[in-house]
PDB file of N, CA and C in Angstrom:
ATOM      1  N   MET A   1       9.033  73.975  90.815  1.00  0.00           N
ATOM      2  CA  MET A   1      10.299  73.751  91.071  1.00  0.00           C
ATOM      3  C   MET A   1      11.388  74.287  90.367  1.00  0.00           C
ATOM      4  N   LYS A   2      11.102  74.132  88.942  1.00  0.00           N
ATOM      5  CA  LYS A   2      12.232  74.509  87.946  1.00  0.00           C
ATOM      6  C   LYS A   2      12.531  76.121  88.118  1.00  0.00           C
ATOM      7  N   ILE A   3      11.424  76.927  88.350  1.00  0.00           N
ATOM      8  CA  ILE A   3      11.575  78.378  88.534  1.00  0.00           C
ATOM      9  C   ILE A   3      12.323  78.752  89.761  1.00  0.00           C
ATOM     10  N   ASN A   4      11.988  77.585  91.058  1.00  0.00           N
ATOM     11  CA  ASN A   4      12.970  77.889  92.084  1.00  0.00           C
ATOM     12  C   ASN A   4      14.415  77.738  91.856  1.00  0.00           C
ATOM     13  N   GLN A   5      14.791  76.784  91.095  1.00  0.00           N
ATOM     14  CA  GLN A   5      16.234  76.416  90.747  1.00  0.00           C
ATOM     15  C   GLN A   5      16.586  77.636  90.008  1.00  0.00           C
ATOM     16  N   TYR A   6      16.059  78.140  88.878  1.00  0.00           N
ATOM     17  CA  TYR A   6      16.327  79.238  88.083  1.00  0.00           C
ATOM     18  C   TYR A   6      16.916  80.457  89.222  1.00  0.00           C
ATOM     19  N   VAL A   7      15.970  80.849  90.141  1.00  0.00           N
ATOM     20  CA  VAL A   7      15.884  82.057  91.102  1.00  0.00           C
ATOM     21  C   VAL A   7      17.139  81.639  91.884  1.00  0.00           C
ATOM     22  N   GLU A   8      17.259  80.432  92.281  1.00  0.00           N
ATOM     23  CA  GLU A   8      18.441  80.389  93.526  1.00  0.00           C
ATOM     24  C   GLU A   8      19.989  80.181  92.547  1.00  0.00           C
ATOM     25  N   GLY A   9      19.508  79.839  91.247  1.00  0.00           N
ATOM     26  CA  GLY A   9      21.027  79.992  90.127  1.00  0.00           C
ATOM     27  C   GLY A   9      21.532  81.487  90.100  1.00  0.00           C
ATOM     28  N   LEU A  10      20.402  82.346  90.030  1.00  0.00           N
ATOM     29  CA  LEU A  10      20.484  83.709  90.034  1.00  0.00           C
ATOM     30  C   LEU A  10      21.057  84.730  91.140  1.00  0.00           C
ATOM     31  N   LYS A  11      20.578  83.972  92.124  1.00  0.00           N
ATOM     32  CA  LYS A  11      20.988  84.555  93.444  1.00  0.00           C
ATOM     33  C   LYS A  11      22.637  84.484  93.707  1.00  0.00           C
ATOM     34  N   LYS A  12      23.178  83.155  93.264  1.00  0.00           N
ATOM     35  CA  LYS A  12      24.262  82.873  93.492  1.00  0.00           C
ATOM     36  C   LYS A  12      25.321  83.783  92.438  1.00  0.00           C
ATOM     37  N   LYS A  13      24.782  84.064  91.570  1.00  0.00           N
ATOM     38  CA  LYS A  13      25.531  84.975  90.721  1.00  0.00           C
ATOM     39  C   LYS A  13      26.213  86.419  91.007  1.00  0.00           C
ATOM     40  N   SER A  14      27.366  86.869  90.667  1.00  0.00           N
ATOM     41  CA  SER A  14      27.527  88.231  90.893  1.00  0.00           C
ATOM     42  C   SER A  14      26.827  89.387  90.078  1.00  0.00           C
ATOM     43  N   ALA A  15      26.907  90.502  90.394  1.00  0.00           N
ATOM     44  CA  ALA A  15      26.114  91.970  89.871  1.00  0.00           C
ATOM     45  C   ALA A  15      26.422  91.974  88.341  1.00  0.00           C
ATOM     46  N   ALA A  16      28.011  91.389  87.952  1.00  0.00           N
ATOM     47  CA  ALA A  16      28.148  91.632  86.492  1.00  0.00           C
ATOM     48  C   ALA A  16      27.696  90.373  85.745  1.00  0.00           C
ATOM     49  N   GLU A  17      27.588  89.204  86.313  1.00  0.00           N
ATOM     50  CA  GLU A  17      26.992  88.173  85.646  1.00  0.00           C
ATOM     51  C   GLU A  17      25.554  88.305  85.454  1.00  0.00           C
ATOM     52  N   LEU A  18      24.813  89.077  86.395  1.00  0.00           N
ATOM     53  CA  LEU A  18      23.409  89.163  86.503  1.00  0.00           C
ATOM     54  C   LEU A  18      23.051  90.094  85.134  1.00  0.00           C
ATOM     55  N   ASN A  19      23.999  91.176  85.198  1.00  0.00           N
ATOM     56  CA  ASN A  19      23.684  92.414  84.164  1.00  0.00           C
ATOM     57  C   ASN A  19      24.230  91.914  82.826  1.00  0.00           C
ATOM     58  N   GLU A  20      25.015  90.886  82.683  1.00  0.00           N
ATOM     59  CA  GLU A  20      25.119  90.191  81.511  1.00  0.00           C
ATOM     60  C   GLU A  20      23.688  89.286  81.225  1.00  0.00           C
ATOM     61  N   ASP A  21      23.369  88.618  82.196  1.00  0.00           N
ATOM     62  CA  ASP A  21      22.247  87.707  81.835  1.00  0.00           C
ATOM     63  C   ASP A  21      21.148  88.716  81.252  1.00  0.00           C
ATOM     64  N   LEU A  22      21.014  89.680  82.027  1.00  0.00           N
ATOM     65  CA  LEU A  22      19.841  90.810  81.745  1.00  0.00           C
ATOM     66  C   LEU A  22      19.943  91.180  80.193  1.00  0.00           C
ATOM     67  N   VAL A  23      21.141  91.501  79.786  1.00  0.00           N
ATOM     68  CA  VAL A  23      21.382  91.991  78.451  1.00  0.00           C
ATOM     69  C   VAL A  23      20.939  90.645  77.530  1.00  0.00           C
ATOM     70  N   ALA A  24      21.434  89.500  77.856  1.00  0.00           N
ATOM     71  CA  ALA A  24      21.175  88.591  76.874  1.00  0.00           C
ATOM     72  C   ALA A  24      19.829  88.468  76.764  1.00  0.00           C
ATOM     73  N   ALA A  25      18.984  88.351  77.962  1.00  0.00           N
ATOM     74  CA  ALA A  25      17.436  88.088  78.151  1.00  0.00           C
ATOM     75  C   ALA A  25      16.677  89.156  77.263  1.00  0.00           C
ATOM     76  N   LYS A  26      17.232  90.371  77.253  1.00  0.00           N
ATOM     77  CA  LYS A  26      16.500  91.384  76.773  1.00  0.00           C
ATOM     78  C   LYS A  26      16.730  91.366  75.049  1.00  0.00           C
ATOM     79  N   LYS A  27      17.820  90.869  74.612  1.00  0.00           N
ATOM     80  CA  LYS A  27      18.181  90.401  73.384  1.00  0.00           C
ATOM     81  C   LYS A  27      17.206  89.285  72.900  1.00  0.00           C
ATOM     82  N   GLU A  28      17.089  88.244  73.747  1.00  0.00           N
ATOM     83  CA  GLU A  28      16.100  87.283  73.107  1.00  0.00           C
ATOM     84  C   GLU A  28      14.765  87.856  73.068  1.00  0.00           C
ATOM     85  N   LEU A  29      14.208  88.385  74.101  1.00  0.00           N
ATOM     86  CA  LEU A  29      13.083  89.154  73.640  1.00  0.00           C
ATOM     87  C   LEU A  29      13.018  89.994  72.470  1.00  0.00           C
ATOM     88  N   PHE A  30      13.905  90.811  72.562  1.00  0.00           N
ATOM     89  CA  PHE A  30      13.954  91.193  71.093  1.00  0.00           C
ATOM     90  C   PHE A  30      13.597  90.670  69.861  1.00  0.00           C
ATOM     91  N   ASN A  31      14.460  89.648  69.655  1.00  0.00           N
ATOM     92  CA  ASN A  31      14.526  88.601  68.853  1.00  0.00           C
ATOM     93  C   ASN A  31      13.024  87.981  68.622  1.00  0.00           C
ATOM     94  N   LEU A  32      12.459  87.607  69.787  1.00  0.00           N
ATOM     95  CA  LEU A  32      11.325  86.762  69.592  1.00  0.00           C
ATOM     96  C   LEU A  32       9.941  87.508  69.360  1.00  0.00           C
ATOM     97  N   ARG A  33      10.347  89.159  69.824  1.00  0.00           N
ATOM     98  CA  ARG A  33       9.227  89.839  69.342  1.00  0.00           C
ATOM     99  C   ARG A  33       9.128  90.091  67.507  1.00  0.00           C
ATOM    100  N   PHE A  34      10.634  90.178  67.139  1.00  0.00           N
ATOM    101  CA  PHE A  34      10.820  90.135  65.536  1.00  0.00           C
ATOM    102  C   PHE A  34      10.060  89.085  64.829  1.00  0.00           C
ATOM    103  N   GLN A  35      10.285  87.689  65.791  1.00  0.00           N
ATOM    104  CA  GLN A  35       9.851  86.753  65.124  1.00  0.00           C
ATOM    105  C   GLN A  35       8.549  86.646  65.094  1.00  0.00           C
ATOM    106  N   ASN A  36       7.879  86.978  66.117  1.00  0.00           N
ATOM    107  CA  ASN A  36       6.483  86.950  66.069  1.00  0.00           C
ATOM    108  C   ASN A  36       5.934  88.023  65.057  1.00  0.00           C
ATOM    109  N   ALA A  37       6.573  89.081  65.010  1.00  0.00           N
ATOM    110  CA  ALA A  37       5.972  90.117  64.024  1.00  0.00           C
ATOM    111  C   ALA A  37       6.001  89.816  62.447  1.00  0.00           C
ATOM    112  N   THR A  38       6.799  88.844  62.204  1.00  0.00           N
ATOM    113  CA  THR A  38       6.732  88.384  61.007  1.00  0.00           C
ATOM    114  C   THR A  38       6.490  86.938  60.902  1.00  0.00           C
ATOM    115  N   ASN A  39       5.535  86.391  61.637  1.00  0.00           N
ATOM    116  CA  ASN A  39       4.987  85.212  61.713  1.00  0.00           C
ATOM    117  C   ASN A  39       5.682  84.004  61.607  1.00  0.00           C
ATOM    118  N   GLN A  40       7.041  83.893  62.336  1.00  0.00           N
ATOM    119  CA  GLN A  40       7.958  83.130  62.425  1.00  0.00           C
ATOM    120  C   GLN A  40       7.907  82.424  63.486  1.00  0.00           C
ATOM    121  N   LEU A  41       7.299  82.835  64.491  1.00  0.00           N
ATOM    122  CA  LEU A  41       7.432  82.226  66.132  1.00  0.00           C
ATOM    123  C   LEU A  41       6.431  81.513  65.909  1.00  0.00           C
ATOM    124  N   ASP A  42       6.929  79.898  66.558  1.00  0.00           N
ATOM    125  CA  ASP A  42       5.943  78.796  66.787  1.00  0.00           C
ATOM    126  C   ASP A  42       5.530  79.007  68.221  1.00  0.00           C
ATOM    127  N   ASN A  43       6.227  79.110  69.376  1.00  0.00           N
ATOM    128  CA  ASN A  43       6.041  78.785  70.662  1.00  0.00           C
ATOM    129  C   ASN A  43       5.875  80.611  71.054  1.00  0.00           C
ATOM    130  N   THR A  44       4.750  80.962  71.006  1.00  0.00           N
ATOM    131  CA  THR A  44       4.703  82.181  71.552  1.00  0.00           C
ATOM    132  C   THR A  44       4.602  82.654  72.992  1.00  0.00           C
ATOM    133  N   SER A  45       4.392  81.568  73.793  1.00  0.00           N
ATOM    134  CA  SER A  45       4.299  81.372  75.321  1.00  0.00           C
ATOM    135  C   SER A  45       5.956  81.589  75.849  1.00  0.00           C
ATOM    136  N   ARG A  46       6.823  81.677  74.942  1.00  0.00           N
ATOM    137  CA  ARG A  46       8.387  81.970  75.305  1.00  0.00           C
ATOM    138  C   ARG A  46       8.245  83.367  75.513  1.00  0.00           C
ATOM    139  N   ILE A  47       7.560  84.297  74.878  1.00  0.00           N
ATOM    140  CA  ILE A  47       7.751  85.874  75.100  1.00  0.00           C
ATOM    141  C   ILE A  47       7.487  85.973  76.531  1.00  0.00           C
ATOM    142  N   ASN A  48       6.375  85.339  77.274  1.00  0.00           N
ATOM    143  CA  ASN A  48       5.887  85.858  78.444  1.00  0.00           C
ATOM    144  C   ASN A  48       7.015  85.192  79.516  1.00  0.00           C
ATOM    145  N   GLU A  49       7.245  83.754  79.202  1.00  0.00           N
ATOM    146  CA  GLU A  49       8.671  83.549  79.973  1.00  0.00           C
ATOM    147  C   GLU A  49      10.015  84.209  80.047  1.00  0.00           C
ATOM    148  N   VAL A  50      10.104  84.806  78.916  1.00  0.00           N
ATOM    149  CA  VAL A  50      11.203  85.664  79.047  1.00  0.00           C
ATOM    150  C   VAL A  50      11.206  86.990  79.425  1.00  0.00           C
ATOM    151  N   ARG A  51      10.016  87.486  79.685  1.00  0.00           N
ATOM    152  CA  ARG A  51       9.748  88.971  80.008  1.00  0.00           C
ATOM    153  C   ARG A  51       9.659  88.655  81.719  1.00  0.00           C
ATOM    154  N   LYS A  52       9.145  87.287  82.081  1.00  0.00           N
ATOM    155  CA  LYS A  52       9.283  87.188  83.695  1.00  0.00           C
ATOM    156  C   LYS A  52      10.645  86.640  84.278  1.00  0.00           C
ATOM    157  N   ASN A  53      11.448  86.074  83.101  1.00  0.00           N
ATOM    158  CA  ASN A  53      12.864  85.878  83.554  1.00  0.00           C
ATOM    159  C   ASN A  53      13.602  87.450  83.893  1.00  0.00           C
ATOM    160  N   ILE A  54      13.077  88.374  82.602  1.00  0.00           N
ATOM    161  CA  ILE A  54      13.964  89.584  83.025  1.00  0.00           C
ATOM    162  C   ILE A  54      13.532  90.013  84.144  1.00  0.00           C
ATOM    163  N   ALA A  55      12.096  89.973  84.400  1.00  0.00           N
ATOM    164  CA  ALA A  55      11.856  90.607  85.750  1.00  0.00           C
ATOM    165  C   ALA A  55      12.209  90.116  87.023  1.00  0.00           C
ATOM    166  N   ARG A  56      12.756  88.897  87.119  1.00  0.00           N
ATOM    167  CA  ARG A  56      13.262  87.966  88.071  1.00  0.00           C
ATOM    168  C   ARG A  56      14.913  88.667  88.298  1.00  0.00           C
ATOM    169  N   ILE A  57      15.146  88.753  87.093  1.00  0.00           N
ATOM    170  CA  ILE A  57      16.832  88.977  86.980  1.00  0.00           C
ATOM    171  C   ILE A  57      16.764  90.547  87.663  1.00  0.00           C
ATOM    172  N   GLN A  58      15.798  91.514  87.404  1.00  0.00           N
ATOM    173  CA  GLN A  58      16.291  92.901  87.970  1.00  0.00           C
ATOM    174  C   GLN A  58      15.913  92.775  89.146  1.00  0.00           C
ATOM    175  N   THR A  59      14.852  91.985  89.599  1.00  0.00           N
ATOM    176  CA  THR A  59      14.717  91.832  91.255  1.00  0.00           C
ATOM    177  C   THR A  59      15.450  91.538  92.020  1.00  0.00           C
ATOM    178  N   ILE A  60      16.363  90.584  91.556  1.00  0.00           N
ATOM    179  CA  ILE A  60      17.504  90.017  92.381  1.00  0.00           C
ATOM    180  C   ILE A  60      18.609  91.047  92.182  1.00  0.00           C
ATOM    181  N   ILE A  61      18.974  91.930  91.046  1.00  0.00           N
ATOM    182  CA  ILE A  61      19.877  93.120  91.304  1.00  0.00           C
ATOM    183  C   ILE A  61      19.378  94.047  92.121  1.00  0.00           C
ATOM    184  N   THR A  62      18.093  94.369  92.225  1.00  0.00           N
ATOM    185  CA  THR A  62      17.736  95.362  93.283  1.00  0.00           C
ATOM    186  C   THR A  62      17.697  94.949  94.543  1.00  0.00           C
ATOM    187  N   GLU A  63      17.485  93.588  94.932  1.00  0.00           N
ATOM    188  CA  GLU A  63      17.855  93.100  96.228  1.00  0.00           C
ATOM    189  C   GLU A  63      19.409  93.147  96.647  1.00  0.00           C
ATOM    190  N   LYS A  64      20.400  92.891  95.458  1.00  0.00           N
ATOM    191  CA  LYS A  64      21.822  92.749  96.000  1.00  0.00           C
ATOM    192  C   LYS A  64      22.271  94.151  96.192  1.00  0.00           C
ATOM    193  N   ALA A  65      21.501  95.089  95.469  1.00  0.00           N
ATOM    194  CA  ALA A  65      22.084  96.330  95.340  1.00  0.00           C
ATOM    195  C   ALA A  65      21.503  97.147  97.019  1.00  0.00           C
ATOM    196  N   LYS A  66      20.349  96.947  97.277  1.00  0.00           N
ATOM    197  CA  LYS A  66      19.934  96.931  98.637  1.00  0.00           C
ATOM    198  C   LYS A  66      20.749  96.474  99.962  1.00  0.00           C
ATOM    199  N   ALA A  67      21.020  95.265  99.535  1.00  0.00           N
ATOM    200  CA  ALA A  67      21.579  94.555 100.685  1.00  0.00           C
ATOM    201  C   ALA A  67      23.181  95.182 100.891  1.00  0.00           C
ATOM    202  N   ALA A  68      23.581  95.702  99.809  1.00  0.00           N
ATOM    203  CA  ALA A  68      25.270  96.201  99.711  1.00  0.00           C
ATOM    204  C   ALA A  68      25.255  97.773 100.404  1.00  0.00           C
ATOM    205  N   GLU A  69      24.208  98.431 100.612  1.00  0.00           N
ATOM    206  CA  GLU A  69      23.903  99.718 101.254  1.00  0.00           C
ATOM    207  C   GLU A  69      24.066  99.582 102.456  1.00  0.00           C
TER     208      GLU A  69
END
């Protein structure tokens, strides 16, 4: 249920907002990878979660671009 609510929230955003979310998620992924490499990361499952969120954001961006054509 939580994922569906997240995706619905993404679908309501504009392309600019989605791009901002994408940049923020990529920065978070970088930071998580850096923490993991230095053994400071406790919750390693967060890396997979962020990667999937990035894919979801990119999918919605693509859907919106195709709908605009």
